[in-house]
Amino acid sequence: MASILVVDDDLAICEGMKAVLTNAGHDVRTAPDGQVALELLSQGPADLAICDIMMPEVDGFEFYRRLKAQHPGVKFIAISGYSYNGKMDLLAMAEAMGAEKAFQKPVMPRDLLAAIDALH
């Protein structure tokens, strides 16, 4: 199946997605922010990154920019608990930047798995 990197500062989100994706046969690694995620990618490739937008250190937008510069073949799914922060629609902005898909958290497992199947 796919090699997937889940990036979220919420440990429960990381662990929940890892369980769902591992049970579906995917190889999954997790990172608490974009900087750690980039370090993991330098140690081994991934087919797909699923990344929260609002995180400390390196947020999802900056992670996406660095990801595409360093690993242009990695597909990207954005997730956020705050789709609209009062100024801009974060999920629409992620898709406008090039994210293949964007989901409001909590993400339904069947929706996430369907998106991964469509991308892989």
N, C-alpha and C. Protein backbone atom coordinates (compact mmCIF):
# COMPACT_ATOMS: atom_id res chain seq x y z
N MET A 1 0.84 -1.18 0.00
CA MET A 1 0.00 0.00 0.00
C MET A 1 0.89 1.25 0.00
N ALA A 2 0.44 2.32 0.63
CA ALA A 2 1.16 3.59 0.60
C ALA A 2 2.00 3.78 1.86
N SER A 3 3.08 4.53 1.69
CA SER A 3 3.89 5.00 2.81
C SER A 3 3.36 6.40 3.14
N ILE A 4 2.86 6.57 4.37
CA ILE A 4 2.17 7.81 4.75
C ILE A 4 2.82 8.43 5.97
N LEU A 5 2.96 9.76 5.92
CA LEU A 5 3.45 10.53 7.06
C LEU A 5 2.29 11.38 7.57
N VAL A 6 1.91 11.19 8.82
CA VAL A 6 0.85 11.97 9.47
C VAL A 6 1.53 13.02 10.35
N VAL A 7 1.19 14.29 10.13
CA VAL A 7 1.82 15.40 10.85
C VAL A 7 0.74 16.19 11.58
N ASP A 8 0.78 16.14 12.90
CA ASP A 8 -0.21 16.85 13.70
C ASP A 8 0.34 17.03 15.10
N ASP A 9 0.14 18.21 15.69
CA ASP A 9 0.62 18.45 17.05
C ASP A 9 -0.28 17.82 18.10
N ASP A 10 -1.40 17.26 17.71
CA ASP A 10 -2.30 16.56 18.62
C ASP A 10 -1.97 15.06 18.54
N LEU A 11 -1.36 14.55 19.61
CA LEU A 11 -0.93 13.15 19.64
C LEU A 11 -2.09 12.19 19.40
N ALA A 12 -3.27 12.51 19.93
CA ALA A 12 -4.43 11.64 19.75
C ALA A 12 -4.82 11.53 18.27
N ILE A 13 -4.73 12.63 17.54
CA ILE A 13 -5.02 12.61 16.10
C ILE A 13 -4.00 11.73 15.39
N CYS A 14 -2.72 11.92 15.70
CA CYS A 14 -1.67 11.11 15.08
C CYS A 14 -1.89 9.62 15.34
N GLU A 15 -2.13 9.28 16.58
CA GLU A 15 -2.29 7.87 16.93
C GLU A 15 -3.57 7.28 16.33
N GLY A 16 -4.65 8.05 16.34
CA GLY A 16 -5.89 7.56 15.74
C GLY A 16 -5.76 7.32 14.26
N MET A 17 -5.16 8.27 13.54
CA MET A 17 -4.96 8.09 12.10
C MET A 17 -4.00 6.94 11.82
N LYS A 18 -2.95 6.84 12.63
CA LYS A 18 -1.99 5.75 12.44
C LYS A 18 -2.69 4.40 12.58
N ALA A 19 -3.56 4.26 13.57
CA ALA A 19 -4.28 3.00 13.78
C ALA A 19 -5.17 2.68 12.57
N VAL A 20 -5.93 3.66 12.12
CA VAL A 20 -6.84 3.45 10.98
C VAL A 20 -6.05 3.09 9.72
N LEU A 21 -5.00 3.85 9.46
CA LEU A 21 -4.23 3.65 8.23
C LEU A 21 -3.42 2.36 8.27
N THR A 22 -2.86 2.02 9.43
CA THR A 22 -2.12 0.77 9.57
C THR A 22 -3.05 -0.42 9.39
N ASN A 23 -4.24 -0.34 9.97
CA ASN A 23 -5.22 -1.42 9.81
C ASN A 23 -5.64 -1.60 8.35
N ALA A 24 -5.54 -0.54 7.56
CA ALA A 24 -5.88 -0.61 6.13
C ALA A 24 -4.69 -1.07 5.29
N GLY A 25 -3.56 -1.35 5.96
CA GLY A 25 -2.40 -1.90 5.25
C GLY A 25 -1.33 -0.90 4.87
N HIS A 26 -1.45 0.34 5.31
CA HIS A 26 -0.46 1.36 4.97
C HIS A 26 0.69 1.38 5.98
N ASP A 27 1.85 1.82 5.51
CA ASP A 27 3.02 2.03 6.37
C ASP A 27 2.94 3.48 6.85
N VAL A 28 2.87 3.70 8.16
CA VAL A 28 2.60 5.03 8.70
C VAL A 28 3.67 5.46 9.70
N ARG A 29 4.12 6.70 9.52
CA ARG A 29 4.98 7.37 10.49
C ARG A 29 4.26 8.64 10.94
N THR A 30 4.58 9.13 12.13
CA THR A 30 3.93 10.34 12.63
C THR A 30 4.99 11.35 13.06
N ALA A 31 4.58 12.64 13.03
CA ALA A 31 5.44 13.72 13.48
C ALA A 31 4.58 14.79 14.14
N PRO A 32 5.10 15.46 15.18
CA PRO A 32 4.32 16.47 15.89
C PRO A 32 4.34 17.86 15.25
N ASP A 33 5.20 18.07 14.25
CA ASP A 33 5.22 19.35 13.54
C ASP A 33 5.96 19.18 12.23
N GLY A 34 5.93 20.23 11.42
CA GLY A 34 6.52 20.17 10.09
C GLY A 34 8.02 19.96 10.08
N GLN A 35 8.73 20.52 11.05
CA GLN A 35 10.18 20.36 11.09
C GLN A 35 10.55 18.90 11.32
N VAL A 36 9.93 18.26 12.29
CA VAL A 36 10.19 16.84 12.56
C VAL A 36 9.80 16.00 11.34
N ALA A 37 8.70 16.35 10.70
CA ALA A 37 8.25 15.63 9.51
C ALA A 37 9.29 15.69 8.40
N LEU A 38 9.88 16.86 8.17
CA LEU A 38 10.91 16.99 7.14
C LEU A 38 12.14 16.17 7.49
N GLU A 39 12.48 16.12 8.77
CA GLU A 39 13.61 15.29 9.20
C GLU A 39 13.32 13.81 8.95
N LEU A 40 12.09 13.37 9.21
CA LEU A 40 11.72 11.98 8.93
C LEU A 40 11.79 11.68 7.44
N LEU A 41 11.36 12.62 6.61
CA LEU A 41 11.40 12.42 5.17
C LEU A 41 12.83 12.34 4.65
N SER A 42 13.76 13.01 5.31
CA SER A 42 15.16 12.93 4.88
C SER A 42 15.74 11.55 5.19
N GLN A 43 15.11 10.82 6.12
CA GLN A 43 15.56 9.48 6.47
C GLN A 43 14.92 8.40 5.61
N GLY A 44 13.82 8.72 4.96
CA GLY A 44 13.13 7.75 4.11
C GLY A 44 11.92 8.38 3.47
N PRO A 45 11.63 8.02 2.23
CA PRO A 45 10.56 8.66 1.48
C PRO A 45 9.15 8.28 1.98
N ALA A 46 8.19 9.05 1.51
CA ALA A 46 6.78 8.76 1.74
C ALA A 46 6.03 9.04 0.45
N ASP A 47 4.91 8.37 0.27
CA ASP A 47 4.06 8.61 -0.89
C ASP A 47 3.13 9.79 -0.64
N LEU A 48 2.77 9.98 0.63
CA LEU A 48 1.72 10.93 0.99
C LEU A 48 1.99 11.50 2.37
N ALA A 49 1.72 12.81 2.52
CA ALA A 49 1.74 13.46 3.83
C ALA A 49 0.33 13.96 4.13
N ILE A 50 -0.15 13.64 5.32
CA ILE A 50 -1.42 14.16 5.82
C ILE A 50 -1.04 15.11 6.94
N CYS A 51 -1.37 16.39 6.78
CA CYS A 51 -0.80 17.39 7.67
C CYS A 51 -1.84 18.38 8.17
N ASP A 52 -1.80 18.63 9.48
CA ASP A 52 -2.59 19.68 10.10
C ASP A 52 -2.05 21.03 9.63
N ILE A 53 -2.91 22.01 9.52
CA ILE A 53 -2.47 23.33 9.08
C ILE A 53 -1.95 24.15 10.25
N MET A 54 -2.69 24.18 11.35
CA MET A 54 -2.33 25.02 12.49
C MET A 54 -1.51 24.21 13.49
N MET A 55 -0.18 24.45 13.48
CA MET A 55 0.74 23.77 14.39
C MET A 55 1.81 24.76 14.82
N PRO A 56 2.41 24.52 16.00
CA PRO A 56 3.54 25.35 16.40
C PRO A 56 4.77 24.98 15.57
N GLU A 57 5.81 25.75 15.73
CA GLU A 57 7.07 25.55 15.01
C GLU A 57 6.84 25.76 13.52
N VAL A 58 6.83 24.69 12.73
CA VAL A 58 6.60 24.79 11.29
C VAL A 58 5.15 24.37 11.02
N ASP A 59 4.31 25.35 10.61
CA ASP A 59 2.89 25.04 10.38
C ASP A 59 2.70 24.29 9.06
N GLY A 60 1.47 23.91 8.79
CA GLY A 60 1.16 23.12 7.61
C GLY A 60 1.46 23.81 6.29
N PHE A 61 1.25 25.10 6.21
CA PHE A 61 1.54 25.83 4.97
C PHE A 61 3.04 25.86 4.69
N GLU A 62 3.83 26.16 5.71
CA GLU A 62 5.28 26.19 5.53
C GLU A 62 5.81 24.78 5.26
N PHE A 63 5.26 23.79 5.95
CA PHE A 63 5.65 22.40 5.68
C PHE A 63 5.38 22.05 4.22
N TYR A 64 4.21 22.45 3.72
CA TYR A 64 3.87 22.15 2.33
C TYR A 64 4.88 22.79 1.37
N ARG A 65 5.24 24.04 1.61
CA ARG A 65 6.21 24.72 0.73
C ARG A 65 7.55 23.98 0.73
N ARG A 66 8.02 23.62 1.91
CA ARG A 66 9.31 22.91 2.01
C ARG A 66 9.21 21.49 1.44
N LEU A 67 8.10 20.84 1.69
CA LEU A 67 7.88 19.48 1.17
C LEU A 67 7.98 19.48 -0.35
N LYS A 68 7.27 20.39 -1.00
CA LYS A 68 7.26 20.43 -2.47
C LYS A 68 8.62 20.83 -3.04
N ALA A 69 9.38 21.64 -2.29
CA ALA A 69 10.72 22.03 -2.75
C ALA A 69 11.70 20.85 -2.62
N GLN A 70 11.58 20.09 -1.52
CA GLN A 70 12.53 19.02 -1.24
C GLN A 70 12.09 17.65 -1.73
N HIS A 71 10.78 17.41 -1.76
CA HIS A 71 10.22 16.10 -2.13
C HIS A 71 8.99 16.32 -3.01
N PRO A 72 9.18 16.80 -4.23
CA PRO A 72 8.03 17.21 -5.06
C PRO A 72 7.05 16.10 -5.40
N GLY A 73 7.46 14.86 -5.31
CA GLY A 73 6.56 13.76 -5.66
C GLY A 73 5.60 13.33 -4.56
N VAL A 74 5.78 13.85 -3.36
CA VAL A 74 4.93 13.46 -2.23
C VAL A 74 3.59 14.18 -2.33
N LYS A 75 2.52 13.41 -2.31
CA LYS A 75 1.17 14.00 -2.34
C LYS A 75 0.84 14.55 -0.96
N PHE A 76 -0.14 15.48 -0.91
CA PHE A 76 -0.41 16.21 0.33
C PHE A 76 -1.91 16.32 0.58
N ILE A 77 -2.32 15.90 1.77
CA ILE A 77 -3.70 16.10 2.23
C ILE A 77 -3.63 17.00 3.46
N ALA A 78 -4.35 18.12 3.40
CA ALA A 78 -4.41 19.06 4.52
C ALA A 78 -5.60 18.72 5.41
N ILE A 79 -5.40 18.89 6.71
CA ILE A 79 -6.49 18.72 7.68
C ILE A 79 -6.45 19.91 8.64
N SER A 80 -7.61 20.28 9.15
CA SER A 80 -7.65 21.37 10.12
C SER A 80 -8.93 21.32 10.94
N GLY A 81 -8.78 21.61 12.21
CA GLY A 81 -9.94 21.76 13.08
C GLY A 81 -10.56 23.13 12.94
N TYR A 82 -9.83 24.04 12.30
CA TYR A 82 -10.28 25.41 12.10
C TYR A 82 -10.25 25.71 10.61
N SER A 83 -11.33 25.37 9.92
CA SER A 83 -11.31 25.59 8.47
C SER A 83 -11.34 27.08 8.14
N TYR A 84 -11.94 27.88 9.03
CA TYR A 84 -12.04 29.32 8.80
C TYR A 84 -11.54 30.02 10.05
N ASN A 85 -10.47 30.78 9.95
CA ASN A 85 -9.91 31.40 11.14
C ASN A 85 -10.36 32.84 11.36
N GLY A 86 -11.43 33.26 10.70
CA GLY A 86 -11.91 34.62 10.83
C GLY A 86 -11.44 35.54 9.73
N LYS A 87 -10.40 35.15 9.04
CA LYS A 87 -9.86 35.97 7.96
C LYS A 87 -9.84 35.22 6.63
N MET A 88 -9.59 33.92 6.70
CA MET A 88 -9.47 33.16 5.45
C MET A 88 -9.92 31.72 5.67
N ASP A 89 -10.35 31.09 4.61
CA ASP A 89 -10.73 29.69 4.64
C ASP A 89 -9.46 28.87 4.49
N LEU A 90 -8.97 28.30 5.59
CA LEU A 90 -7.69 27.61 5.59
C LEU A 90 -7.67 26.39 4.67
N LEU A 91 -8.77 25.64 4.64
CA LEU A 91 -8.80 24.44 3.79
C LEU A 91 -8.82 24.82 2.31
N ALA A 92 -9.58 25.86 1.96
CA ALA A 92 -9.59 26.32 0.56
C ALA A 92 -8.22 26.87 0.18
N MET A 93 -7.57 27.54 1.12
CA MET A 93 -6.23 28.06 0.86
C MET A 93 -5.24 26.92 0.63
N ALA A 94 -5.35 25.85 1.41
CA ALA A 94 -4.48 24.68 1.23
C ALA A 94 -4.68 24.07 -0.15
N GLU A 95 -5.93 23.93 -0.57
CA GLU A 95 -6.19 23.38 -1.90
C GLU A 95 -5.69 24.32 -2.99
N ALA A 96 -5.82 25.62 -2.79
CA ALA A 96 -5.32 26.59 -3.78
C ALA A 96 -3.80 26.52 -3.90
N MET A 97 -3.12 26.18 -2.81
CA MET A 97 -1.67 26.03 -2.84
C MET A 97 -1.25 24.76 -3.57
N GLY A 98 -2.16 23.79 -3.65
CA GLY A 98 -1.82 22.56 -4.35
C GLY A 98 -2.12 21.27 -3.61
N ALA A 99 -2.68 21.36 -2.41
CA ALA A 99 -3.04 20.13 -1.69
C ALA A 99 -4.02 19.32 -2.54
N GLU A 100 -3.79 18.03 -2.61
CA GLU A 100 -4.68 17.18 -3.39
C GLU A 100 -6.07 17.06 -2.78
N LYS A 101 -6.14 17.21 -1.45
CA LYS A 101 -7.42 17.11 -0.75
C LYS A 101 -7.29 17.88 0.57
N ALA A 102 -8.42 18.34 1.10
CA ALA A 102 -8.44 19.03 2.39
C ALA A 102 -9.67 18.58 3.17
N PHE A 103 -9.47 18.29 4.44
CA PHE A 103 -10.56 17.80 5.30
C PHE A 103 -10.64 18.61 6.58
N GLN A 104 -11.88 18.84 7.01
CA GLN A 104 -12.16 19.40 8.33
C GLN A 104 -12.00 18.27 9.35
N LYS A 105 -11.32 18.55 10.47
CA LYS A 105 -11.22 17.55 11.55
C LYS A 105 -12.48 17.61 12.39
N PRO A 106 -12.93 16.51 12.92
CA PRO A 106 -12.36 15.17 12.76
C PRO A 106 -12.68 14.59 11.38
N VAL A 107 -11.73 13.88 10.83
CA VAL A 107 -11.88 13.27 9.51
C VAL A 107 -12.49 11.88 9.68
N MET A 108 -13.52 11.61 8.91
CA MET A 108 -14.12 10.28 8.94
C MET A 108 -13.15 9.29 8.29
N PRO A 109 -12.86 8.16 8.94
CA PRO A 109 -11.91 7.20 8.37
C PRO A 109 -12.25 6.78 6.94
N ARG A 110 -13.52 6.53 6.64
CA ARG A 110 -13.87 6.09 5.28
C ARG A 110 -13.56 7.17 4.25
N ASP A 111 -13.74 8.45 4.62
CA ASP A 111 -13.43 9.55 3.70
C ASP A 111 -11.93 9.65 3.46
N LEU A 112 -11.16 9.51 4.52
CA LEU A 112 -9.70 9.57 4.40
C LEU A 112 -9.19 8.41 3.56
N LEU A 113 -9.67 7.21 3.83
CA LEU A 113 -9.23 6.03 3.08
C LEU A 113 -9.64 6.14 1.60
N ALA A 114 -10.80 6.67 1.32
CA ALA A 114 -11.23 6.85 -0.07
C ALA A 114 -10.32 7.85 -0.78
N ALA A 115 -9.96 8.92 -0.10
CA ALA A 115 -9.07 9.92 -0.70
C ALA A 115 -7.69 9.31 -0.97
N ILE A 116 -7.18 8.53 -0.04
CA ILE A 116 -5.88 7.89 -0.23
C ILE A 116 -5.94 6.92 -1.41
N ASP A 117 -6.99 6.13 -1.48
CA ASP A 117 -7.15 5.19 -2.60
C ASP A 117 -7.18 5.93 -3.92
N ALA A 118 -7.85 7.07 -3.96
CA ALA A 118 -7.95 7.85 -5.20
C ALA A 118 -6.60 8.45 -5.61
N LEU A 119 -5.77 8.76 -4.63
CA LEU A 119 -4.47 9.37 -4.92
C LEU A 119 -3.37 8.37 -5.20
N HIS A 120 -3.55 7.15 -4.76
CA HIS A 120 -2.47 6.16 -4.85
C HIS A 120 -2.67 5.22 -6.00
